[in-house]
Amino acid sequence: MRTLLCVLLSLFFVSLGIASEKIYIDIDDLSYADETFHIHEGENIWIQSNVIHSEPRGFYIYESDIVKSHEGAYEKKWRCPYCNSHWPIGTPCQNPNCPSKYK
């Protein structure tokens, strides 16, 4: 009976969107700037999270922790190789003190 209750509660939380999948992070793919964690996905594409969790297995975020755009998709950014600031994809570096050629 207890197992059935646990299964029903799990299904309830999943249907509400409360439960979320863990995404493990390599510490080398993590940076912190502007009070936000930036997680490198590859090809200079970064996603953001305000929370990082840890356990003996490693660092992780929940899928629900990822910052999303107004459309509901992950808000992806690129990192300027000169000043290490993060900008939305398609937006040139806006740092006035940066010697970047990506302006």
N, C-alpha and C. Protein backbone atom coordinates (compact mmCIF):
# COMPACT_ATOMS: atom_id res chain seq x y z
N MET A 1 0.82 -1.19 0.00
CA MET A 1 0.00 0.00 0.00
C MET A 1 0.88 1.27 0.00
N ARG A 2 1.94 1.23 0.80
CA ARG A 2 2.84 2.38 0.88
C ARG A 2 3.52 2.63 -0.46
N THR A 3 3.93 1.57 -1.16
CA THR A 3 4.56 1.70 -2.47
C THR A 3 3.61 2.33 -3.47
N LEU A 4 2.35 1.92 -3.43
CA LEU A 4 1.34 2.48 -4.33
C LEU A 4 1.16 3.96 -4.07
N LEU A 5 1.15 4.35 -2.79
CA LEU A 5 1.02 5.76 -2.44
C LEU A 5 2.21 6.57 -2.96
N CYS A 6 3.42 6.03 -2.83
CA CYS A 6 4.63 6.71 -3.34
C CYS A 6 4.57 6.88 -4.85
N VAL A 7 4.13 5.84 -5.55
CA VAL A 7 4.01 5.91 -7.01
C VAL A 7 2.99 6.96 -7.41
N LEU A 8 1.85 6.98 -6.74
CA LEU A 8 0.80 7.95 -7.06
C LEU A 8 1.26 9.38 -6.78
N LEU A 9 1.96 9.58 -5.66
CA LEU A 9 2.49 10.91 -5.37
C LEU A 9 3.52 11.34 -6.40
N SER A 10 4.38 10.43 -6.80
CA SER A 10 5.40 10.75 -7.83
C SER A 10 4.72 11.15 -9.13
N LEU A 11 3.71 10.40 -9.54
CA LEU A 11 2.99 10.74 -10.77
C LEU A 11 2.30 12.09 -10.64
N PHE A 12 1.77 12.39 -9.47
CA PHE A 12 1.11 13.66 -9.24
C PHE A 12 2.10 14.82 -9.39
N PHE A 13 3.29 14.69 -8.75
CA PHE A 13 4.29 15.75 -8.84
C PHE A 13 4.82 15.92 -10.26
N VAL A 14 5.00 14.83 -10.97
CA VAL A 14 5.44 14.90 -12.37
C VAL A 14 4.40 15.62 -13.21
N SER A 15 3.12 15.32 -12.98
CA SER A 15 2.06 15.96 -13.76
C SER A 15 1.99 17.46 -13.48
N LEU A 16 2.38 17.87 -12.27
CA LEU A 16 2.40 19.29 -11.94
C LEU A 16 3.67 19.98 -12.43
N GLY A 17 4.63 19.21 -12.89
CA GLY A 17 5.90 19.79 -13.34
C GLY A 17 6.85 20.08 -12.20
N ILE A 18 6.56 19.56 -11.01
CA ILE A 18 7.41 19.82 -9.85
C ILE A 18 8.66 18.96 -9.90
N ALA A 19 8.49 17.69 -10.22
CA ALA A 19 9.65 16.81 -10.32
C ALA A 19 10.40 17.12 -11.61
N SER A 20 11.69 16.98 -11.57
CA SER A 20 12.49 17.33 -12.74
C SER A 20 13.70 16.42 -12.79
N GLU A 21 14.22 16.22 -13.98
CA GLU A 21 15.37 15.35 -14.18
C GLU A 21 16.65 16.06 -13.76
N LYS A 22 17.56 15.30 -13.14
CA LYS A 22 18.87 15.84 -12.78
C LYS A 22 19.76 15.87 -14.02
N ILE A 23 20.50 16.97 -14.16
CA ILE A 23 21.48 17.10 -15.23
C ILE A 23 22.84 17.29 -14.54
N TYR A 24 23.72 16.30 -14.69
CA TYR A 24 25.02 16.37 -14.03
C TYR A 24 25.96 17.27 -14.83
N ILE A 25 26.82 17.98 -14.11
CA ILE A 25 27.68 19.00 -14.69
C ILE A 25 29.15 18.69 -14.38
N ASP A 26 29.98 18.78 -15.39
CA ASP A 26 31.43 18.70 -15.18
C ASP A 26 31.87 20.06 -14.64
N ILE A 27 32.59 20.07 -13.56
CA ILE A 27 33.00 21.32 -12.92
C ILE A 27 33.80 22.22 -13.88
N ASP A 28 34.48 21.63 -14.86
CA ASP A 28 35.23 22.42 -15.85
C ASP A 28 34.31 23.15 -16.82
N ASP A 29 33.04 22.76 -16.89
CA ASP A 29 32.07 23.39 -17.78
C ASP A 29 31.18 24.38 -17.05
N LEU A 30 31.63 24.87 -15.91
CA LEU A 30 30.83 25.74 -15.07
C LEU A 30 31.55 27.05 -14.83
N SER A 31 30.83 28.16 -14.97
CA SER A 31 31.40 29.45 -14.59
C SER A 31 30.34 30.22 -13.81
N TYR A 32 30.78 31.20 -13.04
CA TYR A 32 29.87 32.00 -12.23
C TYR A 32 30.12 33.46 -12.51
N ALA A 33 29.08 34.16 -12.93
CA ALA A 33 29.19 35.59 -13.22
C ALA A 33 27.81 36.22 -13.07
N ASP A 34 27.78 37.45 -12.61
CA ASP A 34 26.54 38.20 -12.47
C ASP A 34 25.50 37.45 -11.63
N GLU A 35 25.96 36.82 -10.55
CA GLU A 35 25.11 36.08 -9.62
C GLU A 35 24.33 34.94 -10.29
N THR A 36 24.90 34.40 -11.37
CA THR A 36 24.28 33.30 -12.11
C THR A 36 25.34 32.28 -12.47
N PHE A 37 24.96 31.01 -12.41
CA PHE A 37 25.84 29.94 -12.87
C PHE A 37 25.63 29.76 -14.36
N HIS A 38 26.72 29.65 -15.11
CA HIS A 38 26.67 29.41 -16.55
C HIS A 38 27.24 28.03 -16.81
N ILE A 39 26.50 27.21 -17.53
CA ILE A 39 26.91 25.84 -17.81
C ILE A 39 27.19 25.70 -19.30
N HIS A 40 28.40 25.26 -19.63
CA HIS A 40 28.84 25.14 -21.02
C HIS A 40 28.24 23.89 -21.64
N GLU A 41 27.57 24.06 -22.78
CA GLU A 41 26.99 22.93 -23.51
C GLU A 41 27.88 22.48 -24.65
N GLY A 42 28.89 23.26 -25.01
CA GLY A 42 29.75 22.97 -26.15
C GLY A 42 29.57 24.03 -27.22
N GLU A 43 30.57 24.15 -28.10
CA GLU A 43 30.51 25.11 -29.21
C GLU A 43 30.23 26.54 -28.71
N ASN A 44 30.75 26.90 -27.53
CA ASN A 44 30.57 28.22 -26.92
C ASN A 44 29.09 28.57 -26.71
N ILE A 45 28.28 27.58 -26.41
CA ILE A 45 26.88 27.78 -26.06
C ILE A 45 26.74 27.51 -24.57
N TRP A 46 26.13 28.45 -23.85
CA TRP A 46 26.00 28.37 -22.41
C TRP A 46 24.53 28.52 -22.01
N ILE A 47 24.12 27.76 -20.99
CA ILE A 47 22.80 27.93 -20.39
C ILE A 47 23.02 28.42 -18.96
N GLN A 48 21.96 28.94 -18.35
CA GLN A 48 22.08 29.55 -17.03
C GLN A 48 21.21 28.84 -16.00
N SER A 49 21.68 28.90 -14.77
CA SER A 49 20.91 28.41 -13.63
C SER A 49 21.26 29.27 -12.43
N ASN A 50 20.30 29.48 -11.55
CA ASN A 50 20.56 30.24 -10.34
C ASN A 50 20.95 29.34 -9.18
N VAL A 51 20.87 28.02 -9.40
CA VAL A 51 21.13 27.05 -8.34
C VAL A 51 21.98 25.91 -8.88
N ILE A 52 22.94 25.47 -8.08
CA ILE A 52 23.72 24.27 -8.38
C ILE A 52 23.62 23.37 -7.14
N HIS A 53 23.35 22.12 -7.36
CA HIS A 53 23.24 21.15 -6.27
C HIS A 53 24.46 20.23 -6.31
N SER A 54 24.75 19.60 -5.19
CA SER A 54 25.85 18.63 -5.17
C SER A 54 25.46 17.42 -4.33
N GLU A 55 26.08 16.33 -4.65
CA GLU A 55 25.94 15.08 -3.91
C GLU A 55 27.24 14.32 -4.12
N PRO A 56 27.45 13.22 -3.45
CA PRO A 56 28.71 12.49 -3.62
C PRO A 56 29.03 12.15 -5.08
N ARG A 57 28.02 11.96 -5.89
CA ARG A 57 28.23 11.62 -7.30
C ARG A 57 28.73 12.80 -8.13
N GLY A 58 28.46 14.04 -7.69
CA GLY A 58 28.93 15.21 -8.42
C GLY A 58 27.96 16.39 -8.33
N PHE A 59 28.21 17.39 -9.16
CA PHE A 59 27.36 18.58 -9.22
C PHE A 59 26.26 18.35 -10.25
N TYR A 60 25.08 18.94 -9.98
CA TYR A 60 23.97 18.79 -10.91
C TYR A 60 23.00 19.95 -10.76
N ILE A 61 22.15 20.11 -11.75
CA ILE A 61 21.02 21.02 -11.69
C ILE A 61 19.79 20.21 -12.06
N TYR A 62 18.65 20.69 -11.65
CA TYR A 62 17.41 20.11 -12.13
C TYR A 62 17.03 20.83 -13.41
N GLU A 63 16.40 20.12 -14.30
CA GLU A 63 15.99 20.72 -15.56
C GLU A 63 15.13 21.96 -15.32
N SER A 64 14.35 21.95 -14.26
CA SER A 64 13.49 23.09 -13.94
C SER A 64 14.28 24.30 -13.44
N ASP A 65 15.57 24.11 -13.07
CA ASP A 65 16.41 25.21 -12.60
C ASP A 65 16.98 26.05 -13.75
N ILE A 66 16.92 25.54 -14.97
CA ILE A 66 17.52 26.24 -16.11
C ILE A 66 16.67 27.45 -16.47
N VAL A 67 17.34 28.59 -16.66
CA VAL A 67 16.65 29.82 -17.03
C VAL A 67 16.07 29.65 -18.43
N LYS A 68 14.80 30.00 -18.56
CA LYS A 68 14.12 29.86 -19.85
C LYS A 68 13.71 31.23 -20.38
N SER A 69 13.60 31.33 -21.71
CA SER A 69 13.16 32.56 -22.35
C SER A 69 11.64 32.68 -22.22
N HIS A 70 11.10 33.75 -22.73
CA HIS A 70 9.65 33.96 -22.69
C HIS A 70 8.90 32.89 -23.46
N GLU A 71 9.55 32.31 -24.47
CA GLU A 71 8.91 31.27 -25.28
C GLU A 71 8.96 29.91 -24.60
N GLY A 72 9.68 29.78 -23.49
CA GLY A 72 9.77 28.53 -22.77
C GLY A 72 10.99 27.69 -23.12
N ALA A 73 11.80 28.13 -24.08
CA ALA A 73 13.02 27.40 -24.45
C ALA A 73 14.15 27.84 -23.52
N TYR A 74 15.19 27.00 -23.42
CA TYR A 74 16.36 27.39 -22.64
C TYR A 74 16.95 28.65 -23.23
N GLU A 75 17.32 29.59 -22.37
CA GLU A 75 17.94 30.83 -22.84
C GLU A 75 19.43 30.55 -23.02
N LYS A 76 19.85 30.44 -24.28
CA LYS A 76 21.25 30.12 -24.59
C LYS A 76 22.03 31.40 -24.84
N LYS A 77 23.27 31.39 -24.35
CA LYS A 77 24.15 32.55 -24.51
C LYS A 77 25.51 32.10 -25.03
N TRP A 78 26.30 33.05 -25.49
CA TRP A 78 27.69 32.79 -25.88
C TRP A 78 28.58 33.59 -24.94
N ARG A 79 29.83 33.17 -24.77
CA ARG A 79 30.77 33.87 -23.90
C ARG A 79 31.84 34.53 -24.74
N CYS A 80 32.03 35.82 -24.55
CA CYS A 80 33.07 36.57 -25.25
C CYS A 80 34.44 36.03 -24.82
N PRO A 81 35.29 35.67 -25.75
CA PRO A 81 36.60 35.12 -25.39
C PRO A 81 37.58 36.16 -24.81
N TYR A 82 37.24 37.43 -24.92
CA TYR A 82 38.13 38.47 -24.44
C TYR A 82 37.79 38.93 -23.02
N CYS A 83 36.49 39.15 -22.75
CA CYS A 83 36.11 39.67 -21.42
C CYS A 83 35.33 38.64 -20.59
N ASN A 84 35.04 37.48 -21.18
CA ASN A 84 34.32 36.39 -20.51
C ASN A 84 32.90 36.75 -20.06
N SER A 85 32.32 37.78 -20.68
CA SER A 85 30.92 38.11 -20.41
C SER A 85 30.02 37.23 -21.27
N HIS A 86 28.82 36.96 -20.78
CA HIS A 86 27.86 36.12 -21.50
C HIS A 86 26.78 37.00 -22.14
N TRP A 87 26.46 36.69 -23.40
CA TRP A 87 25.49 37.48 -24.16
C TRP A 87 24.54 36.54 -24.89
N PRO A 88 23.28 36.98 -25.10
CA PRO A 88 22.35 36.14 -25.87
C PRO A 88 22.91 35.83 -27.26
N ILE A 89 22.62 34.65 -27.76
CA ILE A 89 23.06 34.24 -29.09
C ILE A 89 22.61 35.29 -30.10
N GLY A 90 23.52 35.73 -30.96
CA GLY A 90 23.20 36.73 -31.98
C GLY A 90 23.44 38.16 -31.53
N THR A 91 23.70 38.38 -30.24
CA THR A 91 23.97 39.72 -29.72
C THR A 91 25.47 39.90 -29.60
N PRO A 92 26.03 40.95 -30.19
CA PRO A 92 27.48 41.18 -30.06
C PRO A 92 27.84 41.57 -28.63
N CYS A 93 29.11 41.48 -28.30
CA CYS A 93 29.60 41.85 -26.97
C CYS A 93 29.25 43.32 -26.70
N GLN A 94 28.63 43.57 -25.56
CA GLN A 94 28.19 44.92 -25.19
C GLN A 94 29.10 45.58 -24.16
N ASN A 95 30.20 44.92 -23.81
CA ASN A 95 31.11 45.47 -22.80
C ASN A 95 31.94 46.58 -23.46
N PRO A 96 31.77 47.84 -23.02
CA PRO A 96 32.51 48.95 -23.64
C PRO A 96 34.02 48.90 -23.41
N ASN A 97 34.47 48.18 -22.39
CA ASN A 97 35.90 48.09 -22.09
C ASN A 97 36.55 46.86 -22.72
N CYS A 98 35.81 46.11 -23.49
CA CYS A 98 36.32 44.88 -24.06
C CYS A 98 36.97 45.15 -25.42
N PRO A 99 38.16 44.57 -25.66
CA PRO A 99 38.82 44.76 -26.95
C PRO A 99 38.30 43.78 -28.03
N SER A 100 37.14 43.19 -27.76
CA SER A 100 36.60 42.13 -28.64
C SER A 100 36.38 42.61 -30.06
N LYS A 101 36.65 41.71 -30.99
CA LYS A 101 36.32 41.99 -32.38
C LYS A 101 34.88 41.55 -32.68
N TYR A 102 34.21 41.02 -31.66
CA TYR A 102 32.83 40.55 -31.82
C TYR A 102 31.82 41.61 -31.41
N LYS A 103 32.04 42.85 -31.84
CA LYS A 103 31.12 43.95 -31.49
C LYS A 103 30.31 44.36 -32.69
